[in-house]
């Protein structure tokens, strides 16, 4: 097979990839908010995971599932996706609602 045929197949496969852009959620196990302002571009799985016949571990041949790119803003992530022809959709973070109550409300 000629090298340019392999290259064109890789480019066509990359253009067909879709991704999602979202903001990293806050860790529920800790009170800190480190790295929650980052936006992530994560590729959607191209094939389903299947059990390995020998070990039984779940896996797939999709190497794009291992790639997670970090950006400072959603606009930067969208610009990257447009530049490289990745069909990406943005998942916005829902607004945070605080439930304000006093400690005495726990005993009523």
PDB file of N, CA and C in Angstrom:
ATOM      1  N   UNK A   1       0.837  -1.175   0.000  1.00  0.00           N
ATOM      2  CA  UNK A   1       0.000   0.000   0.000  1.00  0.00           C
ATOM      3  C   UNK A   1       0.883   1.240   0.000  1.00  0.00           C
ATOM      4  N   UNK A   2       0.505   2.228  -0.769  1.00  0.00           N
ATOM      5  CA  UNK A   2       1.317   3.437  -0.864  1.00  0.00           C
ATOM      6  C   UNK A   2       1.069   4.343   0.346  1.00  0.00           C
ATOM      7  N   UNK A   3       2.101   5.107   0.771  1.00  0.00           N
ATOM      8  CA  UNK A   3       1.964   5.939   1.967  1.00  0.00           C
ATOM      9  C   UNK A   3       0.842   6.975   1.855  1.00  0.00           C
ATOM     10  N   UNK A   4       0.647   7.560   0.666  1.00  0.00           N
ATOM     11  CA  UNK A   4      -0.379   8.601   0.567  1.00  0.00           C
ATOM     12  C   UNK A   4      -1.779   8.018   0.700  1.00  0.00           C
ATOM     13  N   UNK A   5      -1.962   6.748   0.383  1.00  0.00           N
ATOM     14  CA  UNK A   5      -3.267   6.120   0.580  1.00  0.00           C
ATOM     15  C   UNK A   5      -3.546   5.923   2.071  1.00  0.00           C
ATOM     16  N   UNK A   6      -2.516   5.545   2.818  1.00  0.00           N
ATOM     17  CA  UNK A   6      -2.674   5.395   4.267  1.00  0.00           C
ATOM     18  C   UNK A   6      -2.973   6.750   4.887  1.00  0.00           C
ATOM     19  N   UNK A   7      -2.253   7.789   4.473  1.00  0.00           N
ATOM     20  CA  UNK A   7      -2.455   9.123   5.029  1.00  0.00           C
ATOM     21  C   UNK A   7      -3.859   9.619   4.756  1.00  0.00           C
ATOM     22  N   UNK A   8      -4.387   9.398   3.529  1.00  0.00           N
ATOM     23  CA  UNK A   8      -5.728   9.872   3.219  1.00  0.00           C
ATOM     24  C   UNK A   8      -6.782   9.114   4.022  1.00  0.00           C
ATOM     25  N   UNK A   9      -6.532   7.850   4.328  1.00  0.00           N
ATOM     26  CA  UNK A   9      -7.477   7.090   5.144  1.00  0.00           C
ATOM     27  C   UNK A   9      -7.500   7.617   6.576  1.00  0.00           C
ATOM     28  N   UNK A  10      -6.334   8.000   7.101  1.00  0.00           N
ATOM     29  CA  UNK A  10      -6.265   8.553   8.456  1.00  0.00           C
ATOM     30  C   UNK A  10      -6.980   9.891   8.511  1.00  0.00           C
ATOM     31  N   UNK A  11      -6.788  10.752   7.532  1.00  0.00           N
ATOM     32  CA  UNK A  11      -7.439  12.060   7.511  1.00  0.00           C
ATOM     33  C   UNK A  11      -8.946  11.892   7.416  1.00  0.00           C
ATOM     34  N   UNK A  12      -9.424  10.979   6.587  1.00  0.00           N
ATOM     35  CA  UNK A  12     -10.866  10.749   6.456  1.00  0.00           C
ATOM     36  C   UNK A  12     -11.446  10.223   7.766  1.00  0.00           C
ATOM     37  N   UNK A  13     -10.714   9.353   8.450  1.00  0.00           N
ATOM     38  CA  UNK A  13     -11.203   8.816   9.711  1.00  0.00           C
ATOM     39  C   UNK A  13     -11.264   9.919  10.763  1.00  0.00           C
ATOM     40  N   UNK A  14     -10.266  10.813  10.794  1.00  0.00           N
ATOM     41  CA  UNK A  14     -10.241  11.879  11.779  1.00  0.00           C
ATOM     42  C   UNK A  14     -11.373  12.858  11.540  1.00  0.00           C
ATOM     43  N   UNK A  15     -11.741  13.125  10.283  1.00  0.00           N
ATOM     44  CA  UNK A  15     -12.828  14.045  10.002  1.00  0.00           C
ATOM     45  C   UNK A  15     -14.164  13.472  10.440  1.00  0.00           C
ATOM     46  N   UNK A  16     -14.293  12.167  10.463  1.00  0.00           N
ATOM     47  CA  UNK A  16     -15.542  11.541  10.858  1.00  0.00           C
ATOM     48  C   UNK A  16     -15.687  11.477  12.378  1.00  0.00           C
ATOM     49  N   UNK A  17     -14.623  11.773  13.113  1.00  0.00           N
ATOM     50  CA  UNK A  17     -14.674  11.683  14.568  1.00  0.00           C
ATOM     51  C   UNK A  17     -15.547  12.799  15.137  1.00  0.00           C
ATOM     52  N   UNK A  18     -16.259  12.479  16.187  1.00  0.00           N
ATOM     53  CA  UNK A  18     -17.037  13.493  16.883  1.00  0.00           C
ATOM     54  C   UNK A  18     -16.542  13.564  18.324  1.00  0.00           C
ATOM     55  N   UNK A  19     -16.735  14.716  18.925  1.00  0.00           N
ATOM     56  CA  UNK A  19     -16.231  14.938  20.275  1.00  0.00           C
ATOM     57  C   UNK A  19     -17.232  15.763  21.055  1.00  0.00           C
ATOM     58  N   UNK A  20     -17.017  15.786  22.363  1.00  0.00           N
ATOM     59  CA  UNK A  20     -17.835  16.644  23.203  1.00  0.00           C
ATOM     60  C   UNK A  20     -16.918  17.557  23.986  1.00  0.00           C
ATOM     61  N   UNK A  21     -17.374  18.781  24.197  1.00  0.00           N
ATOM     62  CA  UNK A  21     -16.625  19.786  24.937  1.00  0.00           C
ATOM     63  C   UNK A  21     -17.434  20.079  26.195  1.00  0.00           C
ATOM     64  N   UNK A  22     -16.812  19.919  27.346  1.00  0.00           N
ATOM     65  CA  UNK A  22     -17.516  20.153  28.601  1.00  0.00           C
ATOM     66  C   UNK A  22     -16.544  20.661  29.653  1.00  0.00           C
ATOM     67  N   UNK A  23     -17.117  21.217  30.715  1.00  0.00           N
ATOM     68  CA  UNK A  23     -16.301  21.720  31.808  1.00  0.00           C
ATOM     69  C   UNK A  23     -16.141  20.619  32.842  1.00  0.00           C
ATOM     70  N   UNK A  24     -14.947  20.508  33.386  1.00  0.00           N
ATOM     71  CA  UNK A  24     -14.657  19.455  34.355  1.00  0.00           C
ATOM     72  C   UNK A  24     -15.539  19.645  35.594  1.00  0.00           C
ATOM     73  N   UNK A  25     -16.235  18.599  36.045  1.00  0.00           N
ATOM     74  CA  UNK A  25     -17.091  18.752  37.225  1.00  0.00           C
ATOM     75  C   UNK A  25     -16.277  18.792  38.512  1.00  0.00           C
ATOM     76  N   UNK A  26     -16.892  19.322  39.554  1.00  0.00           N
ATOM     77  CA  UNK A  26     -16.252  19.372  40.863  1.00  0.00           C
ATOM     78  C   UNK A  26     -16.225  17.966  41.449  1.00  0.00           C
ATOM     79  N   UNK A  27     -15.131  17.627  42.085  1.00  0.00           N
ATOM     80  CA  UNK A  27     -14.991  16.324  42.714  1.00  0.00           C
ATOM     81  C   UNK A  27     -15.911  16.265  43.934  1.00  0.00           C
ATOM     82  N   UNK A  28     -16.784  15.282  43.991  1.00  0.00           N
ATOM     83  CA  UNK A  28     -17.740  15.175  45.087  1.00  0.00           C
ATOM     84  C   UNK A  28     -17.094  14.744  46.396  1.00  0.00           C
ATOM     85  N   UNK A  29     -15.905  14.175  46.333  1.00  0.00           N
ATOM     86  CA  UNK A  29     -15.269  13.655  47.537  1.00  0.00           C
ATOM     87  C   UNK A  29     -14.401  14.692  48.249  1.00  0.00           C
ATOM     88  N   UNK A  30     -14.200  15.851  47.620  1.00  0.00           N
ATOM     89  CA  UNK A  30     -13.361  16.880  48.217  1.00  0.00           C
ATOM     90  C   UNK A  30     -14.056  18.224  48.098  1.00  0.00           C
ATOM     91  N   UNK A  31     -13.696  19.142  48.979  1.00  0.00           N
ATOM     92  CA  UNK A  31     -14.349  20.446  48.971  1.00  0.00           C
ATOM     93  C   UNK A  31     -13.670  21.430  48.019  1.00  0.00           C
ATOM     94  N   UNK A  32     -12.488  21.127  47.543  1.00  0.00           N
ATOM     95  CA  UNK A  32     -11.755  22.040  46.677  1.00  0.00           C
ATOM     96  C   UNK A  32     -12.347  22.134  45.287  1.00  0.00           C
ATOM     97  N   UNK A  33     -12.035  23.234  44.609  1.00  0.00           N
ATOM     98  CA  UNK A  33     -12.554  23.459  43.258  1.00  0.00           C
ATOM     99  C   UNK A  33     -11.419  23.571  42.242  1.00  0.00           C
ATOM    100  N   UNK A  34     -10.309  22.908  42.515  1.00  0.00           N
ATOM    101  CA  UNK A  34      -9.160  22.964  41.615  1.00  0.00           C
ATOM    102  C   UNK A  34      -9.507  22.323  40.272  1.00  0.00           C
ATOM    103  N   UNK A  35      -9.060  22.947  39.210  1.00  0.00           N
ATOM    104  CA  UNK A  35      -9.204  22.467  37.837  1.00  0.00           C
ATOM    105  C   UNK A  35     -10.657  22.393  37.358  1.00  0.00           C
ATOM    106  N   UNK A  36     -11.594  23.037  38.059  1.00  0.00           N
ATOM    107  CA  UNK A  36     -12.979  23.026  37.613  1.00  0.00           C
ATOM    108  C   UNK A  36     -13.246  24.093  36.565  1.00  0.00           C
ATOM    109  N   UNK A  37     -12.315  25.008  36.360  1.00  0.00           N
ATOM    110  CA  UNK A  37     -12.506  26.038  35.336  1.00  0.00           C
ATOM    111  C   UNK A  37     -12.008  25.578  33.966  1.00  0.00           C
ATOM    112  N   UNK A  38     -11.382  24.416  33.902  1.00  0.00           N
ATOM    113  CA  UNK A  38     -10.863  23.894  32.632  1.00  0.00           C
ATOM    114  C   UNK A  38     -11.994  23.334  31.777  1.00  0.00           C
ATOM    115  N   UNK A  39     -11.818  23.434  30.468  1.00  0.00           N
ATOM    116  CA  UNK A  39     -12.747  22.836  29.510  1.00  0.00           C
ATOM    117  C   UNK A  39     -12.037  21.675  28.844  1.00  0.00           C
ATOM    118  N   UNK A  40     -12.734  20.559  28.692  1.00  0.00           N
ATOM    119  CA  UNK A  40     -12.148  19.347  28.132  1.00  0.00           C
ATOM    120  C   UNK A  40     -12.780  19.024  26.792  1.00  0.00           C
ATOM    121  N   UNK A  41     -11.958  18.582  25.858  1.00  0.00           N
ATOM    122  CA  UNK A  41     -12.431  18.041  24.586  1.00  0.00           C
ATOM    123  C   UNK A  41     -12.155  16.550  24.641  1.00  0.00           C
ATOM    124  N   UNK A  42     -13.228  15.768  24.610  1.00  0.00           N
ATOM    125  CA  UNK A  42     -13.117  14.319  24.752  1.00  0.00           C
ATOM    126  C   UNK A  42     -13.813  13.664  23.556  1.00  0.00           C
ATOM    127  N   UNK A  43     -13.125  12.761  22.899  1.00  0.00           N
ATOM    128  CA  UNK A  43     -13.692  12.095  21.728  1.00  0.00           C
ATOM    129  C   UNK A  43     -14.733  11.072  22.156  1.00  0.00           C
ATOM    130  N   UNK A  44     -15.810  10.992  21.386  1.00  0.00           N
ATOM    131  CA  UNK A  44     -16.834  10.000  21.660  1.00  0.00           C
ATOM    132  C   UNK A  44     -16.359   8.641  21.139  1.00  0.00           C
ATOM    133  N   UNK A  45     -16.729   7.573  21.812  1.00  0.00           N
ATOM    134  CA  UNK A  45     -16.246   6.252  21.392  1.00  0.00           C
ATOM    135  C   UNK A  45     -16.745   5.880  19.997  1.00  0.00           C
ATOM    136  N   UNK A  46     -15.839   5.367  19.175  1.00  0.00           N
ATOM    137  CA  UNK A  46     -16.182   4.980  17.806  1.00  0.00           C
ATOM    138  C   UNK A  46     -16.743   3.560  17.755  1.00  0.00           C
ATOM    139  N   UNK A  47     -16.410   2.754  18.741  1.00  0.00           N
ATOM    140  CA  UNK A  47     -16.919   1.380  18.777  1.00  0.00           C
ATOM    141  C   UNK A  47     -17.203   0.995  20.223  1.00  0.00           C
ATOM    142  N   UNK A  48     -18.063   0.026  20.387  1.00  0.00           N
ATOM    143  CA  UNK A  48     -18.447  -0.412  21.732  1.00  0.00           C
ATOM    144  C   UNK A  48     -17.321  -1.206  22.378  1.00  0.00           C
ATOM    145  N   UNK A  49     -17.278  -1.163  23.695  1.00  0.00           N
ATOM    146  CA  UNK A  49     -16.300  -1.965  24.427  1.00  0.00           C
ATOM    147  C   UNK A  49     -16.766  -3.417  24.442  1.00  0.00           C
ATOM    148  N   UNK A  50     -15.815  -4.307  24.403  1.00  0.00           N
ATOM    149  CA  UNK A  50     -16.150  -5.729  24.445  1.00  0.00           C
ATOM    150  C   UNK A  50     -15.186  -6.441  25.392  1.00  0.00           C
ATOM    151  N   UNK A  51     -15.611  -7.553  25.903  1.00  0.00           N
ATOM    152  CA  UNK A  51     -14.795  -8.303  26.850  1.00  0.00           C
ATOM    153  C   UNK A  51     -13.665  -9.027  26.120  1.00  0.00           C
ATOM    154  N   UNK A  52     -12.489  -8.965  26.696  1.00  0.00           N
ATOM    155  CA  UNK A  52     -11.338  -9.680  26.162  1.00  0.00           C
ATOM    156  C   UNK A  52     -11.540 -11.174  26.412  1.00  0.00           C
ATOM    157  N   UNK A  53     -11.327 -12.041  25.390  1.00  0.00           N
ATOM    158  CA  UNK A  53     -11.590 -13.461  25.588  1.00  0.00           C
ATOM    159  C   UNK A  53     -10.681 -14.137  26.625  1.00  0.00           C
ATOM    160  N   UNK A  54      -9.468 -13.629  26.780  1.00  0.00           N
ATOM    161  CA  UNK A  54      -8.537 -14.280  27.702  1.00  0.00           C
ATOM    162  C   UNK A  54      -8.733 -13.818  29.148  1.00  0.00           C
ATOM    163  N   UNK A  55      -8.707 -12.493  29.359  1.00  0.00           N
ATOM    164  CA  UNK A  55      -8.745 -11.959  30.720  1.00  0.00           C
ATOM    165  C   UNK A  55     -10.133 -11.500  31.162  1.00  0.00           C
ATOM    166  N   UNK A  56     -11.015 -11.198  30.203  1.00  0.00           N
ATOM    167  CA  UNK A  56     -12.340 -10.726  30.555  1.00  0.00           C
ATOM    168  C   UNK A  56     -12.431  -9.227  30.779  1.00  0.00           C
ATOM    169  N   UNK A  57     -11.326  -8.500  30.561  1.00  0.00           N
ATOM    170  CA  UNK A  57     -11.340  -7.057  30.745  1.00  0.00           C
ATOM    171  C   UNK A  57     -12.090  -6.402  29.606  1.00  0.00           C
ATOM    172  N   UNK A  58     -12.764  -5.306  29.888  1.00  0.00           N
ATOM    173  CA  UNK A  58     -13.486  -4.569  28.858  1.00  0.00           C
ATOM    174  C   UNK A  58     -12.506  -3.650  28.133  1.00  0.00           C
ATOM    175  N   UNK A  59     -12.583  -3.627  26.817  1.00  0.00           N
ATOM    176  CA  UNK A  59     -11.705  -2.778  26.037  1.00  0.00           C
ATOM    177  C   UNK A  59     -12.179  -2.692  24.608  1.00  0.00           C
ATOM    178  N   UNK A  60     -11.517  -1.838  23.841  1.00  0.00           N
ATOM    179  CA  UNK A  60     -11.835  -1.705  22.423  1.00  0.00           C
ATOM    180  C   UNK A  60     -10.575  -1.292  21.681  1.00  0.00           C
ATOM    181  N   UNK A  61     -10.668  -1.285  20.383  1.00  0.00           N
ATOM    182  CA  UNK A  61      -9.536  -0.880  19.560  1.00  0.00           C
ATOM    183  C   UNK A  61      -9.520   0.610  19.284  1.00  0.00           C
ATOM    184  N   UNK A  62     -10.422   1.350  19.907  1.00  0.00           N
ATOM    185  CA  UNK A  62     -10.537   2.781  19.688  1.00  0.00           C
ATOM    186  C   UNK A  62      -9.518   3.520  20.545  1.00  0.00           C
ATOM    187  N   UNK A  63      -8.455   4.016  19.916  1.00  0.00           N
ATOM    188  CA  UNK A  63      -7.414   4.722  20.670  1.00  0.00           C
ATOM    189  C   UNK A  63      -7.771   6.177  20.951  1.00  0.00           C
ATOM    190  N   UNK A  64      -8.735   6.735  20.225  1.00  0.00           N
ATOM    191  CA  UNK A  64      -9.128   8.123  20.465  1.00  0.00           C
ATOM    192  C   UNK A  64      -9.827   8.287  21.819  1.00  0.00           C
ATOM    193  N   UNK A  65     -10.361   7.225  22.372  1.00  0.00           N
ATOM    194  CA  UNK A  65     -11.031   7.310  23.662  1.00  0.00           C
ATOM    195  C   UNK A  65     -10.047   7.646  24.786  1.00  0.00           C
ATOM    196  N   UNK A  66      -8.770   7.441  24.553  1.00  0.00           N
ATOM    197  CA  UNK A  66      -7.756   7.723  25.562  1.00  0.00           C
ATOM    198  C   UNK A  66      -7.312   9.181  25.544  1.00  0.00           C
ATOM    199  N   UNK A  67      -7.701   9.928  24.517  1.00  0.00           N
ATOM    200  CA  UNK A  67      -7.244  11.300  24.347  1.00  0.00           C
ATOM    201  C   UNK A  67      -8.243  12.262  24.979  1.00  0.00           C
ATOM    202  N   UNK A  68      -7.754  13.088  25.904  1.00  0.00           N
ATOM    203  CA  UNK A  68      -8.553  14.151  26.509  1.00  0.00           C
ATOM    204  C   UNK A  68      -7.703  15.417  26.452  1.00  0.00           C
ATOM    205  N   UNK A  69      -8.188  16.440  25.751  1.00  0.00           N
ATOM    206  CA  UNK A  69      -7.460  17.688  25.605  1.00  0.00           C
ATOM    207  C   UNK A  69      -8.040  18.738  26.542  1.00  0.00           C
ATOM    208  N   UNK A  70      -7.187  19.557  27.148  1.00  0.00           N
ATOM    209  CA  UNK A  70      -7.593  20.555  28.123  1.00  0.00           C
ATOM    210  C   UNK A  70      -7.423  21.949  27.538  1.00  0.00           C
ATOM    211  N   UNK A  71      -8.428  22.816  27.757  1.00  0.00           N
ATOM    212  CA  UNK A  71      -8.400  24.191  27.262  1.00  0.00           C
ATOM    213  C   UNK A  71      -8.842  25.132  28.369  1.00  0.00           C
ATOM    214  N   UNK A  72      -8.453  26.390  28.251  1.00  0.00           N
ATOM    215  CA  UNK A  72      -8.819  27.394  29.250  1.00  0.00           C
ATOM    216  C   UNK A  72     -10.259  27.869  29.083  1.00  0.00           C
ATOM    217  N   UNK A  73     -10.799  27.803  27.867  1.00  0.00           N
ATOM    218  CA  UNK A  73     -12.168  28.257  27.640  1.00  0.00           C
ATOM    219  C   UNK A  73     -12.841  27.368  26.597  1.00  0.00           C
ATOM    220  N   UNK A  74     -14.153  27.471  26.534  1.00  0.00           N
ATOM    221  CA  UNK A  74     -14.918  26.691  25.561  1.00  0.00           C
ATOM    222  C   UNK A  74     -14.635  27.187  24.143  1.00  0.00           C
ATOM    223  N   UNK A  75     -14.395  28.480  24.002  1.00  0.00           N
ATOM    224  CA  UNK A  75     -14.097  29.036  22.676  1.00  0.00           C
ATOM    225  C   UNK A  75     -12.796  28.482  22.104  1.00  0.00           C
ATOM    226  N   UNK A  76     -11.793  28.316  22.965  1.00  0.00           N
ATOM    227  CA  UNK A  76     -10.522  27.731  22.510  1.00  0.00           C
ATOM    228  C   UNK A  76     -10.727  26.290  22.054  1.00  0.00           C
ATOM    229  N   UNK A  77     -11.531  25.550  22.789  1.00  0.00           N
ATOM    230  CA  UNK A  77     -11.793  24.155  22.423  1.00  0.00           C
ATOM    231  C   UNK A  77     -12.557  24.073  21.106  1.00  0.00           C
ATOM    232  N   UNK A  78     -13.536  24.966  20.902  1.00  0.00           N
ATOM    233  CA  UNK A  78     -14.280  24.981  19.648  1.00  0.00           C
ATOM    234  C   UNK A  78     -13.383  25.369  18.481  1.00  0.00           C
ATOM    235  N   UNK A  79     -12.490  26.339  18.690  1.00  0.00           N
ATOM    236  CA  UNK A  79     -11.566  26.745  17.634  1.00  0.00           C
ATOM    237  C   UNK A  79     -10.645  25.592  17.245  1.00  0.00           C
ATOM    238  N   UNK A  80     -10.173  24.837  18.234  1.00  0.00           N
ATOM    239  CA  UNK A  80      -9.326  23.676  17.954  1.00  0.00           C
ATOM    240  C   UNK A  80     -10.092  22.637  17.134  1.00  0.00           C
ATOM    241  N   UNK A  81     -11.338  22.381  17.538  1.00  0.00           N
ATOM    242  CA  UNK A  81     -12.145  21.387  16.830  1.00  0.00           C
ATOM    243  C   UNK A  81     -12.409  21.817  15.391  1.00  0.00           C
ATOM    244  N   UNK A  82     -12.695  23.091  15.172  1.00  0.00           N
ATOM    245  CA  UNK A  82     -12.928  23.587  13.813  1.00  0.00           C
ATOM    246  C   UNK A  82     -11.653  23.527  12.978  1.00  0.00           C
ATOM    247  N   UNK A  83     -10.521  23.849  13.591  1.00  0.00           N
ATOM    248  CA  UNK A  83      -9.245  23.848  12.867  1.00  0.00           C
ATOM    249  C   UNK A  83      -8.902  22.451  12.342  1.00  0.00           C
ATOM    250  N   UNK A  84      -9.193  21.421  13.137  1.00  0.00           N
ATOM    251  CA  UNK A  84      -8.834  20.063  12.747  1.00  0.00           C
ATOM    252  C   UNK A  84     -10.017  19.254  12.219  1.00  0.00           C
ATOM    253  N   UNK A  85     -11.136  19.911  11.960  1.00  0.00           N
ATOM    254  CA  UNK A  85     -12.273  19.242  11.337  1.00  0.00           C
ATOM    255  C   UNK A  85     -12.956  18.214  12.217  1.00  0.00           C
ATOM    256  N   UNK A  86     -13.012  18.479  13.501  1.00  0.00           N
ATOM    257  CA  UNK A  86     -13.661  17.563  14.443  1.00  0.00           C
ATOM    258  C   UNK A  86     -15.068  18.093  14.718  1.00  0.00           C
ATOM    259  N   UNK A  87     -16.058  17.258  14.520  1.00  0.00           N
ATOM    260  CA  UNK A  87     -17.436  17.646  14.812  1.00  0.00           C
ATOM    261  C   UNK A  87     -17.634  17.581  16.326  1.00  0.00           C
ATOM    262  N   UNK A  88     -17.716  18.740  16.956  1.00  0.00           N
ATOM    263  CA  UNK A  88     -17.808  18.789  18.415  1.00  0.00           C
ATOM    264  C   UNK A  88     -19.059  19.537  18.841  1.00  0.00           C
ATOM    265  N   UNK A  89     -19.653  19.092  19.938  1.00  0.00           N
ATOM    266  CA  UNK A  89     -20.774  19.811  20.518  1.00  0.00           C
ATOM    267  C   UNK A  89     -20.435  20.162  21.967  1.00  0.00           C
ATOM    268  N   UNK A  90     -20.886  21.349  22.374  1.00  0.00           N
ATOM    269  CA  UNK A  90     -20.565  21.878  23.694  1.00  0.00           C
ATOM    270  C   UNK A  90     -21.681  21.513  24.671  1.00  0.00           C
ATOM    271  N   UNK A  91     -21.304  20.987  25.812  1.00  0.00           N
ATOM    272  CA  UNK A  91     -22.237  20.695  26.889  1.00  0.00           C
ATOM    273  C   UNK A  91     -21.973  21.728  27.982  1.00  0.00           C
ATOM    274  N   UNK A  92     -22.903  22.675  28.121  1.00  0.00           N
ATOM    275  CA  UNK A  92     -22.717  23.741  29.102  1.00  0.00           C
ATOM    276  C   UNK A  92     -23.039  23.236  30.502  1.00  0.00           C
ATOM    277  N   UNK A  93     -22.332  23.779  31.477  1.00  0.00           N
ATOM    278  CA  UNK A  93     -22.536  23.408  32.863  1.00  0.00           C
ATOM    279  C   UNK A  93     -23.811  24.075  33.376  1.00  0.00           C
ATOM    280  N   UNK A  94     -24.691  23.322  34.019  1.00  0.00           N
ATOM    281  CA  UNK A  94     -25.903  23.950  34.559  1.00  0.00           C
ATOM    282  C   UNK A  94     -25.556  24.919  35.684  1.00  0.00           C
ATOM    283  N   UNK A  95     -26.378  25.946  35.888  1.00  0.00           N
ATOM    284  CA  UNK A  95     -26.074  26.907  36.959  1.00  0.00           C
ATOM    285  C   UNK A  95     -26.139  26.236  38.326  1.00  0.00           C
ATOM    286  N   UNK A  96     -25.268  26.693  39.217  1.00  0.00           N
ATOM    287  CA  UNK A  96     -25.219  26.113  40.552  1.00  0.00           C
ATOM    288  C   UNK A  96     -26.281  26.777  41.423  1.00  0.00           C
ATOM    289  N   UNK A  97     -27.081  25.958  42.091  1.00  0.00           N
ATOM    290  CA  UNK A  97     -28.104  26.461  42.996  1.00  0.00           C
ATOM    291  C   UNK A  97     -27.712  26.094  44.419  1.00  0.00           C
ATOM    292  N   UNK A  98     -27.629  27.084  45.271  1.00  0.00           N
ATOM    293  CA  UNK A  98     -27.285  26.842  46.664  1.00  0.00           C
ATOM    294  C   UNK A  98     -28.553  26.697  47.486  1.00  0.00           C
ATOM    295  N   UNK A  99     -28.570  25.712  48.344  1.00  0.00           N
ATOM    296  CA  UNK A  99     -29.682  25.533  49.261  1.00  0.00           C
ATOM    297  C   UNK A  99     -29.237  26.090  50.610  1.00  0.00           C
ATOM    298  N   UNK A 100     -29.648  27.304  50.874  1.00  0.00           N
ATOM    299  CA  UNK A 100     -29.228  27.966  52.103  1.00  0.00           C
ATOM    300  C   UNK A 100     -30.153  27.551  53.241  1.00  0.00           C
ATOM    301  N   UNK A 101     -29.568  27.040  54.299  1.00  0.00           N
ATOM    302  CA  UNK A 101     -30.330  26.674  55.484  1.00  0.00           C
ATOM    303  C   UNK A 101     -29.415  26.769  56.685  1.00  0.00           C
ATOM    304  N   UNK A 102     -30.004  26.868  57.812  1.00  0.00           N
ATOM    305  CA  UNK A 102     -29.213  26.947  59.033  1.00  0.00           C
ATOM    306  C   UNK A 102     -29.031  25.540  59.608  1.00  0.00           C
ATOM    307  N   UNK A 103     -28.118  25.419  60.524  1.00  0.00           N
ATOM    308  CA  UNK A 103     -27.853  24.125  61.143  1.00  0.00           C
ATOM    309  C   UNK A 103     -29.042  23.660  61.972  1.00  0.00           C
ATOM    310  N   UNK A 104     -29.785  24.579  62.522  1.00  0.00           N
ATOM    311  CA  UNK A 104     -30.949  24.240  63.346  1.00  0.00           C
ATOM    312  C   UNK A 104     -32.063  23.585  62.521  1.00  0.00           C
ATOM    313  N   UNK A 105     -32.081  23.827  61.200  1.00  0.00           N
ATOM    314  CA  UNK A 105     -33.095  23.213  60.345  1.00  0.00           C
ATOM    315  C   UNK A 105     -32.973  21.683  60.290  1.00  0.00           C
ATOM    316  N   UNK A 106     -31.813  21.152  60.642  1.00  0.00           N
ATOM    317  CA  UNK A 106     -31.630  19.705  60.639  1.00  0.00           C
ATOM    318  C   UNK A 106     -32.409  19.024  61.762  1.00  0.00           C
ATOM    319  N   UNK A 107     -32.823  19.776  62.780  1.00  0.00           N
ATOM    320  CA  UNK A 107     -33.475  19.196  63.945  1.00  0.00           C
ATOM    321  C   UNK A 107     -34.960  19.563  64.023  1.00  0.00           C
ATOM    322  N   UNK A 108     -35.548  20.086  63.010  1.00  0.00           N
ATOM    323  CA  UNK A 108     -36.980  20.442  63.026  1.00  0.00           C
ATOM    324  C   UNK A 108     -37.820  19.331  62.511  1.00  0.00           C
TER     325      UNK A 108
END
